[in-house]
């Protein structure tokens, strides 16, 4: 089969590799759509500690089942399947504590290789995090299951109310997906702050009630003006920039919450105003990955048709055009591209 191989930072090749075979409890999918992702783009640009090169890569996908291993009962050949690329062990310390996203083996047993014609899912993923794709959504839309699971897991850390005001900082793919998810939750007022008019306009189309162009406006002053000077009930940081992390502390109201979703570069340090944290009872929450419960909720949300994720797909391209898709993203063109092997 054909697969894109990440050879070294800045270098990938479309190669013939061995076709995967389904073992006990496993399934093999013909990839129908694989989405570009910020993590994959970062790995392409500068490498990734969890992707020793050369490596298959790509992890947002959906497909048609072509082979079923012994012991699989939930799926059959021909099923249209949507899945994420990992699942917890359910036996380690963290899993037993109910923190399956921090599972000791979840990163070591994940599956990469969505930028290929076929992909194999092991038993632990098949059993926990794979689902039949409903007919009302496309394969490309179904491939949003993984990023939406991350978004849902983060938002589920808070008791979000309909009358809350939530400020999303960063209008990239994840920030826009946060806006869509928050509106699906029924949040009355969502503020989106970011760059590029096309992305802010898309945020409005997804339901953002106010948008802030950070190149033309002071983000903090704008958020305070939209919240009677109090600050947002929840601030969702999606840029992964240390200075933005620090600034969120002043965008949130007393007793409010800050969700630090965007990952900063390794080794980064930030500082926060201790008085603001202490006397105004601000909660800062970092989040990572997702749990099977979040995956199930993301599946239900996508299946319901409540989210307009289709608008986040800039274009569909053949697999061989993955390098071009990354070039476009690095040039600031587009949101997500769907690769169709």
Protein backbone atom coordinates (compact mmCIF):
# COMPACT_ATOMS: atom_id res chain seq x y z
CA UNK A 1 0.00 0.00 0.00
CA UNK A 2 1.01 3.65 -0.31
CA UNK A 3 1.80 5.66 2.81
CA UNK A 4 3.40 8.98 3.59
CA UNK A 5 6.54 8.47 5.68
CA UNK A 6 7.98 11.25 7.80
CA UNK A 7 11.70 10.81 7.08
CA UNK A 8 13.12 13.80 8.94
CA UNK A 9 11.96 17.30 9.82
CA UNK A 10 10.83 18.96 6.61
CA UNK A 11 11.09 15.76 4.58
CA UNK A 12 8.38 13.19 3.83
CA UNK A 13 8.07 10.56 1.10
CA UNK A 14 5.16 8.64 -0.38
CA UNK A 15 6.32 5.02 -0.26
CA UNK A 16 5.10 1.50 -0.81
CA UNK A 17 4.89 -0.24 2.57
CA UNK A 18 3.57 -3.58 3.76
CA UNK A 19 -0.20 -3.94 3.95
CA UNK A 20 -1.37 -4.37 7.58
CA UNK A 21 -3.01 -7.64 8.64
CA UNK A 22 -5.67 -7.94 11.32
CA UNK A 23 -4.73 -10.07 14.31
CA UNK A 24 -6.99 -11.16 17.18
CA UNK A 25 -9.34 -8.35 18.16
CA UNK A 26 -8.02 -6.06 15.41
CA UNK A 27 -9.54 -4.47 12.31
CA UNK A 28 -8.05 -2.99 9.16
CA UNK A 29 -9.64 0.07 7.57
CA UNK A 30 -9.33 1.44 4.08
CA UNK A 31 -8.72 5.10 4.88
CA UNK A 32 -11.42 7.20 3.23
CA UNK A 33 -10.34 10.53 4.72
CA UNK A 34 -7.47 11.76 6.88
CA UNK A 35 -7.30 15.31 8.21
CA UNK A 36 -4.29 17.54 8.61
CA UNK A 37 -3.54 18.45 12.20
CA UNK A 38 -1.40 21.00 14.00
CA UNK A 39 0.50 18.23 15.80
CA UNK A 40 1.39 16.55 12.50
CA UNK A 41 2.44 19.88 11.04
CA UNK A 42 4.69 20.56 14.04
CA UNK A 43 6.21 17.09 13.70
CA UNK A 44 6.90 17.76 10.04
CA UNK A 45 8.48 21.12 10.76
CA UNK A 46 10.67 20.26 13.76
CA UNK A 47 10.16 16.63 14.78
CA UNK A 48 8.21 15.14 17.68
CA UNK A 49 9.43 13.18 20.74
CA UNK A 50 6.69 10.57 20.25
CA UNK A 51 7.44 10.08 16.53
CA UNK A 52 10.91 8.56 16.09
CA UNK A 53 11.76 9.01 12.42
CA UNK A 54 11.29 7.56 9.89
CA UNK A 55 7.66 7.10 10.88
CA UNK A 56 4.16 6.66 9.57
CA UNK A 57 2.09 9.62 10.69
CA UNK A 58 -1.40 11.12 10.65
CA UNK A 59 -4.01 10.35 13.31
CA UNK A 60 -7.38 11.91 12.36
CA UNK A 61 -9.19 9.51 10.06
CA UNK A 62 -12.21 7.42 9.16
CA UNK A 63 -12.62 4.55 6.75
CA UNK A 64 -14.26 1.39 5.46
CA UNK A 65 -13.55 -1.89 7.22
CA UNK A 66 -11.80 -4.39 4.92
CA UNK A 67 -10.54 -7.06 7.35
CA UNK A 68 -11.75 -8.30 10.72
CA UNK A 69 -9.52 -10.24 13.08
CA UNK A 70 -10.62 -13.23 15.20
CA UNK A 71 -12.77 -12.26 18.17
CA UNK A 72 -14.17 -9.02 16.77
CA UNK A 73 -17.96 -9.03 17.14
CA UNK A 74 -18.99 -5.36 16.97
CA UNK A 75 -17.86 -4.81 13.38
CA UNK A 76 -17.97 -6.59 10.05
CA UNK A 77 -16.33 -6.13 6.65
CA UNK A 78 -17.95 -3.24 4.80
CA UNK A 79 -18.79 -1.20 7.89
CA UNK A 80 -18.00 2.49 7.72
CA UNK A 81 -15.98 3.24 10.83
CA UNK A 82 -14.86 6.35 12.72
CA UNK A 83 -12.27 6.07 15.46
CA UNK A 84 -9.55 7.81 17.41
CA UNK A 85 -5.94 6.63 17.43
CA UNK A 86 -5.53 5.65 21.07
CA UNK A 87 -7.21 4.12 24.10
CA UNK A 88 -6.22 3.57 27.74
CA UNK A 89 -5.08 0.31 29.33
CA UNK A 90 -7.59 0.59 32.22
CA UNK A 91 -5.17 -1.20 34.57
CA UNK A 92 -2.45 1.34 35.42
CA UNK A 93 -2.43 3.70 38.42
CA UNK A 94 -3.93 6.64 36.50
CA UNK A 95 -6.65 4.60 34.81
CA UNK A 96 -7.73 3.22 38.18
CA UNK A 97 -7.87 6.80 39.46
CA UNK A 98 -10.29 7.66 36.65
CA UNK A 99 -7.68 9.67 34.75
CA UNK A 100 -7.56 7.53 31.62
CA UNK A 101 -6.21 10.41 29.53
CA UNK A 102 -3.01 10.15 31.62
CA UNK A 103 -2.73 6.36 31.15
CA UNK A 104 0.87 5.20 31.45
CA UNK A 105 0.78 3.42 28.08
CA UNK A 106 -1.66 5.51 26.02
CA UNK A 107 1.06 7.29 24.06
CA UNK A 108 3.15 4.13 23.59
CA UNK A 109 0.22 2.13 22.18
CA UNK A 110 -1.29 4.83 19.96
CA UNK A 111 -1.67 4.25 16.23
CA UNK A 112 -0.10 6.51 13.62
CA UNK A 113 -0.40 6.16 9.87
CA UNK A 114 -3.64 7.81 8.77
CA UNK A 115 -1.80 9.35 5.81
CA UNK A 116 -1.94 6.00 4.05
CA UNK A 117 -4.28 3.80 2.08
CA UNK A 118 -4.95 1.44 5.01
CA UNK A 119 -4.60 1.54 8.78
CA UNK A 120 -4.84 -1.19 11.44
CA UNK A 121 -6.57 -0.62 14.78
CA UNK A 122 -5.52 -2.80 17.74
CA UNK A 123 -7.92 -4.49 20.13
CA UNK A 124 -7.84 -1.86 22.89
CA UNK A 125 -8.91 0.87 20.45
CA UNK A 126 -11.47 -1.31 18.68
CA UNK A 127 -13.08 -2.24 22.00
CA UNK A 128 -13.25 1.29 23.45
CA UNK A 129 -13.00 4.04 20.86
CA UNK A 130 -14.22 2.83 17.46
CA UNK A 131 -17.78 3.40 16.19
CA UNK A 132 -20.01 2.88 13.18
CA UNK A 133 -20.13 6.09 11.14
CA UNK A 134 -23.71 7.32 10.78
CA UNK A 135 -24.87 7.94 7.19
CA UNK A 136 -25.68 11.62 7.80
CA UNK A 137 -22.02 12.68 8.04
CA UNK A 138 -19.22 12.31 5.50
CA UNK A 139 -15.96 10.44 6.07
CA UNK A 140 -14.13 13.77 6.33
CA UNK A 141 -16.56 15.02 8.97
CA UNK A 142 -16.25 11.70 10.84
CA UNK A 143 -12.47 12.19 10.99
CA UNK A 144 -13.08 15.10 13.40
CA UNK A 145 -13.76 12.54 16.13
CA UNK A 146 -10.20 12.78 17.49
CA UNK A 147 -9.80 16.58 17.75
CA UNK A 148 -13.36 16.99 18.98
CA UNK A 149 -12.71 14.38 21.70
CA UNK A 150 -9.82 16.54 22.93
CA UNK A 151 -12.04 19.63 22.91
CA UNK A 152 -14.89 17.87 24.72
CA UNK A 153 -12.55 16.44 27.36
CA UNK A 154 -11.26 19.93 28.15
CA UNK A 155 -14.68 21.55 28.35
CA UNK A 156 -16.04 18.73 30.48
CA UNK A 157 -13.62 19.74 33.25
CA UNK A 158 -15.94 22.64 34.05
CA UNK A 159 -19.61 23.02 34.89
CA UNK A 160 -20.41 25.26 31.94
CA UNK A 161 -23.79 26.98 32.17
CA UNK A 162 -25.94 28.28 29.34
CA UNK A 163 -25.69 31.86 30.60
CA UNK A 164 -21.89 31.79 30.84
CA UNK A 165 -19.66 33.99 28.73
CA UNK A 166 -16.72 32.06 27.31
CA UNK A 167 -13.73 33.70 25.61
CA UNK A 168 -11.77 31.53 23.16
CA UNK A 169 -8.27 32.84 22.47
CA UNK A 170 -6.90 31.67 19.12
CA UNK A 171 -8.81 31.25 15.86
CA UNK A 172 -6.95 28.24 14.51
CA UNK A 173 -8.64 24.87 13.84
CA UNK A 174 -8.91 24.01 17.54
CA UNK A 175 -10.15 27.46 18.54
CA UNK A 176 -12.83 27.29 15.88
CA UNK A 177 -13.77 23.79 16.98
CA UNK A 178 -14.05 25.08 20.55
CA UNK A 179 -16.51 27.73 19.35
CA UNK A 180 -18.63 25.12 17.56
CA UNK A 181 -18.63 22.82 20.58
CA UNK A 182 -19.51 25.60 23.03
CA UNK A 183 -22.50 26.63 20.93
CA UNK A 184 -23.57 22.98 20.73
CA UNK A 185 -23.44 22.98 24.55
CA UNK A 186 -25.87 25.90 24.46
CA UNK A 187 -23.51 28.59 25.75
CA UNK A 188 -25.25 31.93 25.33
CA UNK A 189 -22.22 34.12 24.61
CA UNK A 190 -18.96 33.03 23.02
CA UNK A 191 -16.19 35.54 22.25
CA UNK A 192 -13.49 34.56 19.76
CA UNK A 193 -10.16 36.41 19.64
CA UNK A 194 -7.65 35.73 16.89
CA UNK A 195 -6.02 36.73 13.63
CA UNK A 196 -7.03 36.65 9.97
CA UNK A 197 -10.42 37.94 8.90
CA UNK A 198 -11.32 34.71 7.09
CA UNK A 199 -10.91 32.75 10.32
CA UNK A 200 -12.80 35.27 12.42
CA UNK A 201 -15.60 35.29 9.85
CA UNK A 202 -15.70 31.51 10.06
CA UNK A 203 -15.90 31.81 13.83
CA UNK A 204 -18.95 34.00 13.42
CA UNK A 205 -20.49 31.46 11.07
CA UNK A 206 -19.89 28.75 13.69
CA UNK A 207 -21.76 30.80 16.28
CA UNK A 208 -19.29 33.18 17.92
CA UNK A 209 -21.32 36.11 19.24
CA UNK A 210 -18.40 38.53 19.17
CA UNK A 211 -15.04 38.37 17.42
CA UNK A 212 -11.88 40.32 18.24
CA UNK A 213 -9.15 40.93 15.69
CA UNK A 214 -6.11 40.92 17.97
CA UNK A 215 -4.02 42.83 15.42
CA UNK A 216 -6.44 45.74 15.53
CA UNK A 217 -7.82 45.66 19.04
CA UNK A 218 -6.61 45.21 22.59
CA UNK A 219 -7.85 41.73 23.48
CA UNK A 220 -8.08 42.35 27.22
CA UNK A 221 -9.92 45.66 26.89
CA UNK A 222 -12.30 44.15 24.35
CA UNK A 223 -13.18 41.19 26.57
CA UNK A 224 -13.69 43.44 29.60
CA UNK A 225 -15.92 45.72 27.50
CA UNK A 226 -18.03 42.72 26.47
CA UNK A 227 -18.42 41.54 30.08
CA UNK A 228 -19.25 44.75 31.97
CA UNK A 229 -15.65 44.95 33.15
CA UNK A 230 -15.76 41.60 34.98
CA UNK A 231 -14.04 39.26 32.54
CA UNK A 232 -15.30 36.00 31.06
CA UNK A 233 -16.61 33.12 33.16
CA UNK A 234 -14.25 30.81 31.27
CA UNK A 235 -11.25 31.62 29.09
CA UNK A 236 -10.08 28.90 26.70
CA UNK A 237 -6.47 29.41 25.58
CA UNK A 238 -5.75 27.80 22.20
CA UNK A 239 -2.56 29.46 20.97
CA UNK A 240 0.13 27.67 22.97
CA UNK A 241 2.06 30.93 23.38
CA UNK A 242 3.51 31.59 26.87
CA UNK A 243 2.70 35.31 26.84
CA UNK A 244 -0.92 34.54 25.96
CA UNK A 245 -1.07 31.96 28.74
CA UNK A 246 -0.01 34.67 31.19
CA UNK A 247 -2.46 37.25 29.84
CA UNK A 248 -5.50 34.97 30.27
CA UNK A 249 -5.36 35.55 34.02
CA UNK A 250 -6.67 39.08 33.49
CA UNK A 251 -9.36 38.12 30.96
CA UNK A 252 -11.32 35.99 33.43
CA UNK A 253 -13.70 37.19 36.15
CA UNK A 254 -13.28 36.68 39.89
CA UNK A 255 -14.00 33.05 40.67
CA UNK A 256 -13.64 32.16 37.01
CA UNK A 257 -11.73 29.45 35.17
CA UNK A 258 -8.95 29.37 32.60
CA UNK A 259 -8.55 26.31 30.37
CA UNK A 260 -4.98 26.08 29.13
CA UNK A 261 -5.56 23.99 26.03
CA UNK A 262 -2.79 25.16 23.70
CA UNK A 263 0.50 23.36 24.34
CA UNK A 264 3.55 25.60 24.68
CA UNK A 265 6.99 24.53 23.36
CA UNK A 266 8.87 22.07 25.56
CA UNK A 267 10.87 23.64 28.37
CA UNK A 268 8.75 26.77 28.41
CA UNK A 269 8.12 28.56 31.70
CA UNK A 270 5.37 31.06 32.51
CA UNK A 271 4.58 33.25 35.51
CA UNK A 272 1.25 34.32 36.93
CA UNK A 273 0.22 37.17 39.22
CA UNK A 274 -0.11 35.50 42.62
CA UNK A 275 -2.45 38.13 44.02
CA UNK A 276 -4.88 37.68 41.16
CA UNK A 277 -4.79 33.90 41.54
CA UNK A 278 -5.19 33.96 45.32
CA UNK A 279 -7.55 36.81 46.14
CA UNK A 280 -9.76 36.49 43.06
CA UNK A 281 -9.95 32.69 43.27
CA UNK A 282 -8.91 32.01 39.69
CA UNK A 283 -8.64 28.38 38.62
CA UNK A 284 -6.05 27.46 35.99
CA UNK A 285 -6.55 24.04 34.42
CA UNK A 286 -4.23 22.28 32.01
CA UNK A 287 -5.67 19.45 29.92
CA UNK A 288 -4.21 16.67 27.82
CA UNK A 289 -5.69 14.16 25.37
CA UNK A 290 -9.09 12.56 26.09
CA UNK A 291 -10.94 9.75 27.84
CA UNK A 292 -13.27 7.12 26.34
CA UNK A 293 -16.14 9.07 27.87
CA UNK A 294 -15.12 12.18 25.95
CA UNK A 295 -14.78 10.15 22.75
CA UNK A 296 -18.29 8.78 23.20
CA UNK A 297 -19.70 12.27 23.76
CA UNK A 298 -17.82 13.59 20.71
CA UNK A 299 -19.23 10.72 18.65
CA UNK A 300 -22.76 11.50 19.79
CA UNK A 301 -22.29 15.21 19.08
CA UNK A 302 -20.97 14.58 15.56
CA UNK A 303 -23.69 12.02 14.86
CA UNK A 304 -26.39 14.46 15.93
CA UNK A 305 -25.36 16.93 13.24
CA UNK A 306 -25.19 19.76 15.82
CA UNK A 307 -21.70 20.78 14.74
CA UNK A 308 -20.94 22.31 11.37
CA UNK A 309 -17.44 20.83 11.12
CA UNK A 310 -17.74 20.61 7.34
CA UNK A 311 -16.95 24.31 7.09
CA UNK A 312 -13.57 23.69 8.74
CA UNK A 313 -12.44 21.56 5.79
CA UNK A 314 -10.75 23.90 3.36
CA UNK A 315 -10.41 21.35 0.56
CA UNK A 316 -10.09 17.67 -0.25
CA UNK A 317 -6.79 16.58 -1.78
CA UNK A 318 -5.30 13.27 -2.93
CA UNK A 319 -2.81 11.64 -0.56
CA UNK A 320 0.16 12.61 -2.73
CA UNK A 321 -0.73 16.28 -2.14
CA UNK A 322 -0.01 16.11 1.62
CA UNK A 323 3.26 18.09 1.23
CA UNK A 324 1.33 20.78 -0.62
CA UNK A 325 -1.32 20.84 2.12
CA UNK A 326 1.39 21.43 4.73
CA UNK A 327 2.92 24.18 2.59
CA UNK A 328 -0.44 25.92 2.41
CA UNK A 329 -0.93 25.64 6.17
CA UNK A 330 2.53 27.06 6.83
CA UNK A 331 1.64 29.96 4.55
CA UNK A 332 -1.48 30.57 6.62
CA UNK A 333 -3.83 29.28 3.93
CA UNK A 334 -6.76 27.15 5.01
CA UNK A 335 -7.95 25.52 8.23
CA UNK A 336 -7.82 21.75 7.73
CA UNK A 337 -7.31 19.69 4.58
CA UNK A 338 -8.87 16.29 4.02
CA UNK A 339 -6.52 13.80 2.33
CA UNK A 340 -8.39 11.24 0.27
CA UNK A 341 -6.15 8.20 -0.48
